[in-house]
Amino acid sequence: MDYIKKVILLTVVLLLAIPAVAGAQHIVKPGDTMGKIAVQYGMSLEQIEVLNPHIENIDWIYPNQHINITSNHLAEDIIGYARSLQGITDYV
């Protein structure tokens, strides 16, 4: 029974986290620039521009605007979490 609970928990975590990796968003704060946002998420300006066709001028963003980004850090966190479960998971 514990095995089933672990599998269900891992499945739920992955289902909730994978969309965030593929389509995460950054909410612009005062003082943010596209360059700062790109560096923060390890992206190029070109990548951010491709993910945000709704932004006509990437030099003009405003607080509370949603910027589409990819989060490499979240993917690493998910992988780390999955690896941490390997020691306690029983395989059948």
N, C-alpha and C. Protein backbone atom coordinates (compact mmCIF):
# COMPACT_ATOMS: atom_id res chain seq x y z
N MET A 1 0.82 -1.20 0.00
CA MET A 1 0.00 0.00 0.00
C MET A 1 0.86 1.26 0.00
N ASP A 2 1.97 1.24 0.74
CA ASP A 2 2.86 2.39 0.75
C ASP A 2 3.43 2.67 -0.64
N TYR A 3 3.72 1.60 -1.37
CA TYR A 3 4.25 1.73 -2.72
C TYR A 3 3.27 2.50 -3.60
N ILE A 4 2.00 2.17 -3.52
CA ILE A 4 0.98 2.84 -4.34
C ILE A 4 0.88 4.31 -3.96
N LYS A 5 0.95 4.61 -2.68
CA LYS A 5 0.90 6.01 -2.23
C LYS A 5 2.09 6.79 -2.78
N LYS A 6 3.28 6.18 -2.77
CA LYS A 6 4.48 6.85 -3.28
C LYS A 6 4.37 7.10 -4.78
N VAL A 7 3.87 6.13 -5.50
CA VAL A 7 3.71 6.28 -6.95
C VAL A 7 2.70 7.38 -7.25
N ILE A 8 1.61 7.39 -6.54
CA ILE A 8 0.59 8.42 -6.74
C ILE A 8 1.16 9.80 -6.41
N LEU A 9 1.88 9.92 -5.30
CA LEU A 9 2.48 11.20 -4.91
C LEU A 9 3.46 11.68 -5.96
N LEU A 10 4.33 10.82 -6.43
CA LEU A 10 5.30 11.21 -7.44
C LEU A 10 4.60 11.62 -8.73
N THR A 11 3.56 10.90 -9.13
CA THR A 11 2.81 11.23 -10.33
C THR A 11 2.17 12.61 -10.21
N VAL A 12 1.57 12.90 -9.08
CA VAL A 12 0.93 14.20 -8.87
C VAL A 12 1.96 15.31 -8.92
N VAL A 13 3.10 15.12 -8.25
CA VAL A 13 4.15 16.14 -8.26
C VAL A 13 4.62 16.42 -9.67
N LEU A 14 4.87 15.37 -10.44
CA LEU A 14 5.35 15.56 -11.81
C LEU A 14 4.29 16.19 -12.70
N LEU A 15 3.05 15.81 -12.54
CA LEU A 15 1.98 16.40 -13.37
C LEU A 15 1.80 17.88 -13.07
N LEU A 16 2.00 18.26 -11.83
CA LEU A 16 1.87 19.67 -11.47
C LEU A 16 3.09 20.47 -11.88
N ALA A 17 4.25 19.87 -11.84
CA ALA A 17 5.49 20.59 -12.09
C ALA A 17 5.86 20.70 -13.56
N ILE A 18 5.58 19.69 -14.37
CA ILE A 18 6.01 19.70 -15.77
C ILE A 18 5.43 20.88 -16.55
N PRO A 19 4.15 21.23 -16.40
CA PRO A 19 3.66 22.42 -17.12
C PRO A 19 4.40 23.68 -16.70
N ALA A 20 4.82 23.76 -15.45
CA ALA A 20 5.55 24.95 -15.00
C ALA A 20 6.90 25.04 -15.67
N VAL A 21 7.54 23.91 -15.90
CA VAL A 21 8.83 23.92 -16.59
C VAL A 21 8.65 24.38 -18.02
N ALA A 22 7.63 23.89 -18.67
CA ALA A 22 7.41 24.20 -20.08
C ALA A 22 6.89 25.61 -20.27
N GLY A 23 6.11 26.13 -19.35
CA GLY A 23 5.49 27.43 -19.54
C GLY A 23 5.44 28.26 -18.29
N ALA A 24 6.58 28.51 -17.68
CA ALA A 24 6.62 29.33 -16.48
C ALA A 24 6.46 30.80 -16.85
N GLN A 25 6.10 31.60 -15.86
CA GLN A 25 5.96 33.04 -16.08
C GLN A 25 6.70 33.80 -15.01
N HIS A 26 7.20 34.95 -15.39
CA HIS A 26 7.82 35.89 -14.47
C HIS A 26 6.91 37.11 -14.42
N ILE A 27 6.60 37.58 -13.23
CA ILE A 27 5.81 38.79 -13.09
C ILE A 27 6.77 39.95 -12.90
N VAL A 28 6.70 40.92 -13.79
CA VAL A 28 7.63 42.04 -13.80
C VAL A 28 7.47 42.86 -12.52
N LYS A 29 8.62 43.19 -11.92
CA LYS A 29 8.67 44.04 -10.73
C LYS A 29 9.31 45.38 -11.13
N PRO A 30 9.05 46.44 -10.36
CA PRO A 30 9.69 47.72 -10.68
C PRO A 30 11.21 47.55 -10.76
N GLY A 31 11.80 48.10 -11.80
CA GLY A 31 13.25 48.00 -11.99
C GLY A 31 13.68 46.84 -12.87
N ASP A 32 12.76 45.91 -13.17
CA ASP A 32 13.09 44.79 -14.04
C ASP A 32 13.31 45.27 -15.47
N THR A 33 14.22 44.63 -16.15
CA THR A 33 14.40 44.81 -17.59
C THR A 33 14.42 43.42 -18.21
N MET A 34 14.20 43.36 -19.50
CA MET A 34 14.25 42.05 -20.17
C MET A 34 15.63 41.43 -20.02
N GLY A 35 16.66 42.26 -20.04
CA GLY A 35 18.02 41.76 -19.87
C GLY A 35 18.22 41.12 -18.51
N LYS A 36 17.73 41.77 -17.45
CA LYS A 36 17.83 41.21 -16.10
C LYS A 36 17.05 39.91 -15.97
N ILE A 37 15.86 39.90 -16.56
CA ILE A 37 15.01 38.70 -16.51
C ILE A 37 15.70 37.55 -17.25
N ALA A 38 16.29 37.84 -18.41
CA ALA A 38 16.99 36.81 -19.18
C ALA A 38 18.12 36.21 -18.37
N VAL A 39 18.93 37.06 -17.73
CA VAL A 39 20.05 36.57 -16.92
C VAL A 39 19.53 35.75 -15.74
N GLN A 40 18.46 36.22 -15.09
CA GLN A 40 17.90 35.52 -13.93
C GLN A 40 17.50 34.08 -14.27
N TYR A 41 16.98 33.86 -15.47
CA TYR A 41 16.50 32.53 -15.85
C TYR A 41 17.44 31.80 -16.81
N GLY A 42 18.62 32.36 -17.04
CA GLY A 42 19.60 31.70 -17.91
C GLY A 42 19.15 31.62 -19.35
N MET A 43 18.48 32.66 -19.81
CA MET A 43 17.96 32.69 -21.18
C MET A 43 18.61 33.83 -21.95
N SER A 44 18.47 33.79 -23.27
CA SER A 44 18.91 34.91 -24.10
C SER A 44 17.71 35.83 -24.35
N LEU A 45 17.99 37.05 -24.75
CA LEU A 45 16.89 37.97 -25.09
C LEU A 45 16.07 37.42 -26.25
N GLU A 46 16.75 36.76 -27.17
CA GLU A 46 16.05 36.19 -28.32
C GLU A 46 15.05 35.11 -27.89
N GLN A 47 15.45 34.29 -26.91
CA GLN A 47 14.54 33.25 -26.41
C GLN A 47 13.31 33.88 -25.76
N ILE A 48 13.53 34.91 -24.96
CA ILE A 48 12.40 35.58 -24.31
C ILE A 48 11.50 36.23 -25.35
N GLU A 49 12.10 36.82 -26.37
CA GLU A 49 11.32 37.46 -27.42
C GLU A 49 10.43 36.44 -28.15
N VAL A 50 10.97 35.27 -28.43
CA VAL A 50 10.20 34.22 -29.12
C VAL A 50 9.04 33.74 -28.26
N LEU A 51 9.26 33.63 -26.95
CA LEU A 51 8.20 33.16 -26.05
C LEU A 51 7.15 34.23 -25.74
N ASN A 52 7.40 35.47 -26.14
CA ASN A 52 6.50 36.57 -25.81
C ASN A 52 6.14 37.41 -27.03
N PRO A 53 5.48 36.80 -28.02
CA PRO A 53 5.13 37.56 -29.22
C PRO A 53 4.13 38.68 -28.95
N HIS A 54 3.47 38.63 -27.80
CA HIS A 54 2.49 39.66 -27.45
C HIS A 54 3.16 40.97 -27.02
N ILE A 55 4.45 40.95 -26.78
CA ILE A 55 5.17 42.16 -26.38
C ILE A 55 5.78 42.77 -27.64
N GLU A 56 5.25 43.93 -28.01
CA GLU A 56 5.69 44.57 -29.26
C GLU A 56 7.09 45.16 -29.15
N ASN A 57 7.43 45.71 -27.98
CA ASN A 57 8.73 46.34 -27.79
C ASN A 57 9.33 45.79 -26.49
N ILE A 58 10.35 44.95 -26.60
CA ILE A 58 10.90 44.32 -25.39
C ILE A 58 11.64 45.32 -24.50
N ASP A 59 11.87 46.53 -25.01
CA ASP A 59 12.50 47.56 -24.18
C ASP A 59 11.48 48.28 -23.30
N TRP A 60 10.19 47.98 -23.49
CA TRP A 60 9.16 48.66 -22.72
C TRP A 60 8.26 47.64 -22.04
N ILE A 61 8.59 47.35 -20.78
CA ILE A 61 7.77 46.44 -19.97
C ILE A 61 7.36 47.20 -18.72
N TYR A 62 6.33 46.71 -18.06
CA TYR A 62 5.80 47.44 -16.91
C TYR A 62 5.51 46.47 -15.76
N PRO A 63 5.50 46.99 -14.52
CA PRO A 63 5.24 46.14 -13.34
C PRO A 63 3.91 45.39 -13.47
N ASN A 64 3.93 44.16 -12.98
CA ASN A 64 2.80 43.22 -12.99
C ASN A 64 2.52 42.60 -14.35
N GLN A 65 3.32 42.93 -15.36
CA GLN A 65 3.20 42.29 -16.66
C GLN A 65 3.73 40.86 -16.55
N HIS A 66 3.11 39.93 -17.23
CA HIS A 66 3.52 38.53 -17.20
C HIS A 66 4.43 38.25 -18.40
N ILE A 67 5.63 37.75 -18.10
CA ILE A 67 6.60 37.42 -19.12
C ILE A 67 6.75 35.90 -19.15
N ASN A 68 6.56 35.29 -20.31
CA ASN A 68 6.74 33.84 -20.44
C ASN A 68 8.22 33.51 -20.44
N ILE A 69 8.61 32.56 -19.61
CA ILE A 69 10.00 32.14 -19.52
C ILE A 69 10.05 30.62 -19.41
N THR A 70 11.24 30.07 -19.54
CA THR A 70 11.44 28.66 -19.21
C THR A 70 12.29 28.64 -17.96
N SER A 71 12.00 27.74 -17.07
CA SER A 71 12.71 27.70 -15.79
C SER A 71 13.57 26.45 -15.71
N ASN A 72 14.84 26.58 -16.05
CA ASN A 72 15.76 25.46 -15.96
C ASN A 72 15.97 25.04 -14.51
N HIS A 73 15.87 25.99 -13.60
CA HIS A 73 16.06 25.68 -12.19
C HIS A 73 14.98 24.75 -11.67
N LEU A 74 13.74 24.97 -12.11
CA LEU A 74 12.65 24.12 -11.66
C LEU A 74 12.85 22.69 -12.15
N ALA A 75 13.31 22.56 -13.38
CA ALA A 75 13.56 21.22 -13.91
C ALA A 75 14.62 20.51 -13.08
N GLU A 76 15.67 21.23 -12.70
CA GLU A 76 16.72 20.65 -11.86
C GLU A 76 16.16 20.27 -10.49
N ASP A 77 15.27 21.10 -9.94
CA ASP A 77 14.66 20.79 -8.65
C ASP A 77 13.83 19.52 -8.72
N ILE A 78 13.08 19.35 -9.79
CA ILE A 78 12.23 18.16 -9.95
C ILE A 78 13.11 16.91 -10.06
N ILE A 79 14.18 17.02 -10.83
CA ILE A 79 15.09 15.88 -10.98
C ILE A 79 15.73 15.53 -9.64
N GLY A 80 16.14 16.54 -8.89
CA GLY A 80 16.71 16.31 -7.57
C GLY A 80 15.73 15.64 -6.63
N TYR A 81 14.48 16.08 -6.68
CA TYR A 81 13.45 15.48 -5.83
C TYR A 81 13.23 14.02 -6.21
N ALA A 82 13.15 13.75 -7.51
CA ALA A 82 12.94 12.37 -7.96
C ALA A 82 14.11 11.48 -7.54
N ARG A 83 15.33 12.01 -7.64
CA ARG A 83 16.48 11.23 -7.21
C ARG A 83 16.46 10.97 -5.72
N SER A 84 15.95 11.93 -4.95
CA SER A 84 15.90 11.75 -3.49
C SER A 84 14.93 10.63 -3.11
N LEU A 85 13.96 10.35 -3.96
CA LEU A 85 13.00 9.29 -3.69
C LEU A 85 13.55 7.89 -4.00
N GLN A 86 14.61 7.83 -4.76
CA GLN A 86 15.14 6.53 -5.17
C GLN A 86 15.54 5.67 -3.98
N GLY A 87 16.06 6.27 -2.93
CA GLY A 87 16.49 5.50 -1.78
C GLY A 87 15.35 4.93 -0.96
N ILE A 88 14.17 5.52 -1.07
CA ILE A 88 13.04 5.05 -0.25
C ILE A 88 11.97 4.34 -1.06
N THR A 89 12.18 4.27 -2.37
CA THR A 89 11.19 3.67 -3.24
C THR A 89 11.49 2.18 -3.43
N ASP A 90 10.46 1.39 -3.27
CA ASP A 90 10.58 -0.05 -3.53
C ASP A 90 10.13 -0.32 -4.95
N TYR A 91 10.96 -1.01 -5.69
CA TYR A 91 10.62 -1.36 -7.06
C TYR A 91 10.13 -2.81 -7.08
N VAL A 92 9.10 -3.06 -7.84
CA VAL A 92 8.58 -4.42 -7.95
C VAL A 92 8.77 -4.97 -9.32
